[in-house]
Amino acid sequence: KTVLSKKLSEGPHGLGDPDDRSLRK
C-alpha cells in the first residue's frame, strides 16, 4: 500500500516510471 499513485511509485527503484513524460503542477 502507498499514498502515491502507481505512476509515481513504480519503476526500478519505486521512484516512478522513468519513461513517464507527464509533469506535476
PDB file of all heavy atoms in Angstrom:
ATOM      1  N   LYS A   1       0.839  -1.196   0.000  1.00  0.00           N
ATOM      2  CA  LYS A   1       0.000   0.000   0.000  1.00  0.00           C
ATOM      3  C   LYS A   1       0.876   1.249   0.000  1.00  0.00           C
ATOM      4  O   LYS A   1       1.918   1.288   0.650  1.00  0.00           O
ATOM      5  CB  LYS A   1      -0.897   0.032   1.245  1.00  0.00           C
ATOM      6  CG  LYS A   1      -1.821  -1.141   1.358  1.00  0.00           C
ATOM      7  CD  LYS A   1      -3.026  -0.937   0.504  1.00  0.00           C
ATOM      8  CE  LYS A   1      -4.002  -2.084   0.733  1.00  0.00           C
ATOM      9  NZ  LYS A   1      -5.021  -2.156  -0.212  1.00  0.00           N
ATOM     10  N   THR A   2       0.439   2.268  -0.750  1.00  0.00           N
ATOM     11  CA  THR A   2       1.171   3.524  -0.816  1.00  0.00           C
ATOM     12  C   THR A   2       0.200   4.671  -1.042  1.00  0.00           C
ATOM     13  O   THR A   2      -0.884   4.465  -1.588  1.00  0.00           O
ATOM     14  CB  THR A   2       2.239   3.504  -1.939  1.00  0.00           C
ATOM     15  OG1 THR A   2       2.885   4.762  -1.983  1.00  0.00           O
ATOM     16  CG2 THR A   2       1.648   3.186  -3.282  1.00  0.00           C
ATOM     17  N   VAL A   3       0.560   5.858  -0.595  1.00  0.00           N
ATOM     18  CA  VAL A   3      -0.300   7.028  -0.808  1.00  0.00           C
ATOM     19  C   VAL A   3      -0.071   7.623  -2.191  1.00  0.00           C
ATOM     20  O   VAL A   3      -0.870   8.415  -2.666  1.00  0.00           O
ATOM     21  CB  VAL A   3      -0.069   8.117   0.270  1.00  0.00           C
ATOM     22  CG1 VAL A   3      -0.537   7.628   1.612  1.00  0.00           C
ATOM     23  CG2 VAL A   3       1.374   8.545   0.313  1.00  0.00           C
ATOM     24  N   LEU A   4       1.010   7.246  -2.838  1.00  0.00           N
ATOM     25  CA  LEU A   4       1.329   7.758  -4.163  1.00  0.00           C
ATOM     26  C   LEU A   4       0.596   6.960  -5.234  1.00  0.00           C
ATOM     27  O   LEU A   4       0.333   5.768  -5.065  1.00  0.00           O
ATOM     28  CB  LEU A   4       2.834   7.673  -4.427  1.00  0.00           C
ATOM     29  CG  LEU A   4       3.730   8.499  -3.520  1.00  0.00           C
ATOM     30  CD1 LEU A   4       5.189   8.148  -3.777  1.00  0.00           C
ATOM     31  CD2 LEU A   4       3.499   9.972  -3.735  1.00  0.00           C
ATOM     32  N   SER A   5       0.304   7.606  -6.344  1.00  0.00           N
ATOM     33  CA  SER A   5      -0.300   6.885  -7.454  1.00  0.00           C
ATOM     34  C   SER A   5       0.721   5.914  -8.034  1.00  0.00           C
ATOM     35  O   SER A   5       1.921   6.054  -7.825  1.00  0.00           O
ATOM     36  CB  SER A   5      -0.754   7.870  -8.535  1.00  0.00           C
ATOM     37  OG  SER A   5       0.361   8.438  -9.181  1.00  0.00           O
ATOM     38  N   LYS A   6       0.231   4.911  -8.772  1.00  0.00           N
ATOM     39  CA  LYS A   6       1.129   3.921  -9.377  1.00  0.00           C
ATOM     40  C   LYS A   6       2.187   4.595 -10.250  1.00  0.00           C
ATOM     41  O   LYS A   6       3.341   4.201 -10.258  1.00  0.00           O
ATOM     42  CB  LYS A   6       0.341   2.916 -10.205  1.00  0.00           C
ATOM     43  CG  LYS A   6      -0.349   1.866  -9.387  1.00  0.00           C
ATOM     44  CD  LYS A   6      -0.830   0.757 -10.307  1.00  0.00           C
ATOM     45  CE  LYS A   6      -1.375  -0.394  -9.535  1.00  0.00           C
ATOM     46  NZ  LYS A   6      -0.358  -1.283  -9.039  1.00  0.00           N
ATOM     47  N   LYS A   7       1.765   5.640 -10.961  1.00  0.00           N
ATOM     48  CA  LYS A   7       2.674   6.351 -11.870  1.00  0.00           C
ATOM     49  C   LYS A   7       3.885   6.920 -11.117  1.00  0.00           C
ATOM     50  O   LYS A   7       4.984   6.976 -11.645  1.00  0.00           O
ATOM     51  CB  LYS A   7       1.887   7.479 -12.553  1.00  0.00           C
ATOM     52  CG  LYS A   7       2.685   8.309 -13.508  1.00  0.00           C
ATOM     53  CD  LYS A   7       1.809   9.223 -14.329  1.00  0.00           C
ATOM     54  CE  LYS A   7       1.230  10.332 -13.500  1.00  0.00           C
ATOM     55  NZ  LYS A   7       0.557  11.347 -14.305  1.00  0.00           N
ATOM     56  N   LEU A   8       3.675   7.314  -9.855  1.00  0.00           N
ATOM     57  CA  LEU A   8       4.759   7.925  -9.078  1.00  0.00           C
ATOM     58  C   LEU A   8       5.495   6.937  -8.177  1.00  0.00           C
ATOM     59  O   LEU A   8       6.496   7.299  -7.561  1.00  0.00           O
ATOM     60  CB  LEU A   8       4.200   9.072  -8.228  1.00  0.00           C
ATOM     61  CG  LEU A   8       3.597  10.233  -8.993  1.00  0.00           C
ATOM     62  CD1 LEU A   8       2.964  11.229  -8.042  1.00  0.00           C
ATOM     63  CD2 LEU A   8       4.636  10.922  -9.860  1.00  0.00           C
ATOM     64  N   SER A   9       4.982   5.712  -8.068  1.00  0.00           N
ATOM     65  CA  SER A   9       5.625   4.771  -7.146  1.00  0.00           C
ATOM     66  C   SER A   9       6.137   3.509  -7.818  1.00  0.00           C
ATOM     67  O   SER A   9       6.662   2.637  -7.147  1.00  0.00           O
ATOM     68  CB  SER A   9       4.644   4.395  -6.030  1.00  0.00           C
ATOM     69  OG  SER A   9       3.509   3.749  -6.567  1.00  0.00           O
ATOM     70  N   GLU A  10       6.005   3.401  -9.119  1.00  0.00           N
ATOM     71  CA  GLU A  10       6.525   2.231  -9.814  1.00  0.00           C
ATOM     72  C   GLU A  10       7.958   2.494 -10.266  1.00  0.00           C
ATOM     73  O   GLU A  10       8.612   3.370  -9.759  1.00  0.00           O
ATOM     74  CB  GLU A  10       5.613   1.877 -10.993  1.00  0.00           C
ATOM     75  CG  GLU A  10       4.273   1.328 -10.545  1.00  0.00           C
ATOM     76  CD  GLU A  10       3.401   0.881 -11.697  1.00  0.00           C
ATOM     77  OE1 GLU A  10       3.575   1.396 -12.814  1.00  0.00           O
ATOM     78  OE2 GLU A  10       2.554   0.013 -11.471  1.00  0.00           O
ATOM     79  N   GLY A  11       8.418   1.756 -11.225  1.00  0.00           N
ATOM     80  CA  GLY A  11       9.771   1.938 -11.734  1.00  0.00           C
ATOM     81  C   GLY A  11      10.766   1.080 -10.986  1.00  0.00           C
ATOM     82  O   GLY A  11      10.441   0.451  -9.984  1.00  0.00           O
ATOM     83  N   PRO A  12      12.004   1.055 -11.451  1.00  0.00           N
ATOM     84  CA  PRO A  12      13.024   0.158 -10.890  1.00  0.00           C
ATOM     85  C   PRO A  12      13.340   0.406  -9.416  1.00  0.00           C
ATOM     86  O   PRO A  12      13.709  -0.502  -8.693  1.00  0.00           O
ATOM     87  CB  PRO A  12      14.261   0.395 -11.757  1.00  0.00           C
ATOM     88  CG  PRO A  12      13.931   1.477 -12.696  1.00  0.00           C
ATOM     89  CD  PRO A  12      12.498   1.812 -12.577  1.00  0.00           C
ATOM     90  N   HIS A  13      13.191   1.644  -8.941  1.00  0.00           N
ATOM     91  CA  HIS A  13      13.526   1.960  -7.549  1.00  0.00           C
ATOM     92  C   HIS A  13      12.328   2.483  -6.780  1.00  0.00           C
ATOM     93  O   HIS A  13      12.489   3.078  -5.718  1.00  0.00           O
ATOM     94  CB  HIS A  13      14.664   2.990  -7.507  1.00  0.00           C
ATOM     95  CG  HIS A  13      15.945   2.464  -8.075  1.00  0.00           C
ATOM     96  ND1 HIS A  13      16.793   1.645  -7.380  1.00  0.00           N
ATOM     97  CD2 HIS A  13      16.498   2.623  -9.301  1.00  0.00           C
ATOM     98  CE1 HIS A  13      17.835   1.329  -8.143  1.00  0.00           C
ATOM     99  NE2 HIS A  13      17.678   1.900  -9.319  1.00  0.00           N
ATOM    100  N   GLY A  14      11.126   2.325  -7.328  1.00  0.00           N
ATOM    101  CA  GLY A  14       9.927   2.811  -6.672  1.00  0.00           C
ATOM    102  C   GLY A  14       9.824   4.329  -6.682  1.00  0.00           C
ATOM    103  O   GLY A  14       9.163   4.929  -5.847  1.00  0.00           O
ATOM    104  N   LEU A  15      10.514   4.959  -7.632  1.00  0.00           N
ATOM    105  CA  LEU A  15      10.548   6.427  -7.717  1.00  0.00           C
ATOM    106  C   LEU A  15       9.693   6.961  -8.855  1.00  0.00           C
ATOM    107  O   LEU A  15       9.696   8.163  -9.107  1.00  0.00           O
ATOM    108  CB  LEU A  15      11.997   6.903  -7.899  1.00  0.00           C
ATOM    109  CG  LEU A  15      12.948   6.508  -6.774  1.00  0.00           C
ATOM    110  CD1 LEU A  15      14.386   6.779  -7.162  1.00  0.00           C
ATOM    111  CD2 LEU A  15      12.580   7.244  -5.503  1.00  0.00           C
ATOM    112  N   GLY A  16       9.002   6.080  -9.557  1.00  0.00           N
ATOM    113  CA  GLY A  16       8.176   6.489 -10.681  1.00  0.00           C
ATOM    114  C   GLY A  16       8.687   5.895 -11.978  1.00  0.00           C
ATOM    115  O   GLY A  16       9.828   5.439 -12.072  1.00  0.00           O
ATOM    116  N   ASP A  17       7.837   5.904 -12.966  1.00  0.00           N
ATOM    117  CA  ASP A  17       8.168   5.374 -14.279  1.00  0.00           C
ATOM    118  C   ASP A  17       9.178   6.304 -14.970  1.00  0.00           C
ATOM    119  O   ASP A  17       8.879   7.466 -15.201  1.00  0.00           O
ATOM    120  CB  ASP A  17       6.890   5.268 -15.113  1.00  0.00           C
ATOM    121  CG  ASP A  17       7.142   4.755 -16.521  1.00  0.00           C
ATOM    122  OD1 ASP A  17       8.277   4.315 -16.808  1.00  0.00           O
ATOM    123  OD2 ASP A  17       6.195   4.803 -17.331  1.00  0.00           O
ATOM    124  N   PRO A  18      10.365   5.801 -15.302  1.00  0.00           N
ATOM    125  CA  PRO A  18      11.380   6.640 -15.953  1.00  0.00           C
ATOM    126  C   PRO A  18      10.943   7.183 -17.311  1.00  0.00           C
ATOM    127  O   PRO A  18      11.434   8.220 -17.750  1.00  0.00           O
ATOM    128  CB  PRO A  18      12.587   5.716 -16.119  1.00  0.00           C
ATOM    129  CG  PRO A  18      12.361   4.581 -15.206  1.00  0.00           C
ATOM    130  CD  PRO A  18      10.878   4.462 -15.026  1.00  0.00           C
ATOM    131  N   ASP A  19      10.015   6.497 -17.971  1.00  0.00           N
ATOM    132  CA  ASP A  19       9.585   6.915 -19.305  1.00  0.00           C
ATOM    133  C   ASP A  19       8.359   7.823 -19.282  1.00  0.00           C
ATOM    134  O   ASP A  19       7.909   8.277 -20.333  1.00  0.00           O
ATOM    135  CB  ASP A  19       9.311   5.685 -20.170  1.00  0.00           C
ATOM    136  CG  ASP A  19      10.567   4.843 -20.342  1.00  0.00           C
ATOM    137  OD1 ASP A  19      11.658   5.426 -20.469  1.00  0.00           O
ATOM    138  OD2 ASP A  19      10.447   3.600 -20.327  1.00  0.00           O
ATOM    139  N   ASP A  20       7.821   8.089 -18.099  1.00  0.00           N
ATOM    140  CA  ASP A  20       6.651   8.965 -17.969  1.00  0.00           C
ATOM    141  C   ASP A  20       7.078  10.406 -18.253  1.00  0.00           C
ATOM    142  O   ASP A  20       8.021  10.911 -17.667  1.00  0.00           O
ATOM    143  CB  ASP A  20       6.080   8.855 -16.556  1.00  0.00           C
ATOM    144  CG  ASP A  20       4.923   9.800 -16.327  1.00  0.00           C
ATOM    145  OD1 ASP A  20       4.166  10.056 -17.289  1.00  0.00           O
ATOM    146  OD2 ASP A  20       4.776  10.285 -15.192  1.00  0.00           O
ATOM    147  N   ARG A  21       6.378  11.073 -19.175  1.00  0.00           N
ATOM    148  CA  ARG A  21       6.731  12.445 -19.539  1.00  0.00           C
ATOM    149  C   ARG A  21       5.708  13.464 -19.044  1.00  0.00           C
ATOM    150  O   ARG A  21       5.790  14.639 -19.366  1.00  0.00           O
ATOM    151  CB  ARG A  21       6.904  12.548 -21.054  1.00  0.00           C
ATOM    152  CG  ARG A  21       8.096  11.693 -21.536  1.00  0.00           C
ATOM    153  CD  ARG A  21       8.442  11.895 -22.967  1.00  0.00           C
ATOM    154  NE  ARG A  21       8.647  13.246 -23.379  1.00  0.00           N
ATOM    155  CZ  ARG A  21       9.776  13.960 -23.221  1.00  0.00           C
ATOM    156  NH1 ARG A  21      10.797  13.418 -22.616  1.00  0.00           N
ATOM    157  NH2 ARG A  21       9.857  15.193 -23.663  1.00  0.00           N
ATOM    158  N   SER A  22       4.743  13.005 -18.239  1.00  0.00           N
ATOM    159  CA  SER A  22       3.771  13.954 -17.700  1.00  0.00           C
ATOM    160  C   SER A  22       4.427  14.746 -16.571  1.00  0.00           C
ATOM    161  O   SER A  22       5.349  14.265 -15.914  1.00  0.00           O
ATOM    162  CB  SER A  22       2.533  13.214 -17.187  1.00  0.00           C
ATOM    163  OG  SER A  22       2.874  12.362 -16.103  1.00  0.00           O
ATOM    164  N   LEU A  23       3.958  15.963 -16.384  1.00  0.00           N
ATOM    165  CA  LEU A  23       4.536  16.843 -15.367  1.00  0.00           C
ATOM    166  C   LEU A  23       3.487  17.191 -14.321  1.00  0.00           C
ATOM    167  O   LEU A  23       2.351  17.502 -14.661  1.00  0.00           O
ATOM    168  CB  LEU A  23       5.066  18.126 -16.010  1.00  0.00           C
ATOM    169  CG  LEU A  23       6.273  17.938 -16.915  1.00  0.00           C
ATOM    170  CD1 LEU A  23       6.475  19.161 -17.789  1.00  0.00           C
ATOM    171  CD2 LEU A  23       7.509  17.680 -16.078  1.00  0.00           C
ATOM    172  N   ARG A  24       3.888  17.159 -13.058  1.00  0.00           N
ATOM    173  CA  ARG A  24       3.005  17.568 -11.975  1.00  0.00           C
ATOM    174  C   ARG A  24       3.003  19.094 -11.892  1.00  0.00           C
ATOM    175  O   ARG A  24       3.885  19.764 -12.439  1.00  0.00           O
ATOM    176  CB  ARG A  24       3.489  16.984 -10.645  1.00  0.00           C
ATOM    177  CG  ARG A  24       3.444  15.459 -10.622  1.00  0.00           C
ATOM    178  CD  ARG A  24       4.040  14.887  -9.369  1.00  0.00           C
ATOM    179  NE  ARG A  24       5.457  15.238  -9.323  1.00  0.00           N
ATOM    180  CZ  ARG A  24       6.140  15.492  -8.210  1.00  0.00           C
ATOM    181  NH1 ARG A  24       5.565  15.417  -7.044  1.00  0.00           N
ATOM    182  NH2 ARG A  24       7.420  15.807  -8.260  1.00  0.00           N
ATOM    183  N   LYS A  25       2.035  19.627 -11.183  1.00  0.00           N
ATOM    184  CA  LYS A  25       1.893  21.078 -11.052  1.00  0.00           C
ATOM    185  C   LYS A  25       3.158  21.698 -10.448  1.00  0.00           C
ATOM    186  O   LYS A  25       3.644  22.722 -10.917  1.00  0.00           O
ATOM    187  CB  LYS A  25       0.677  21.391 -10.183  1.00  0.00           C
ATOM    188  CG  LYS A  25       0.356  22.854 -10.083  1.00  0.00           C
ATOM    189  CD  LYS A  25      -0.931  23.083  -9.307  1.00  0.00           C
ATOM    190  CE  LYS A  25      -1.235  24.567  -9.267  1.00  0.00           C
ATOM    191  NZ  LYS A  25      -2.506  24.838  -8.600  1.00  0.00           N
TER     192      LYS A  25
END
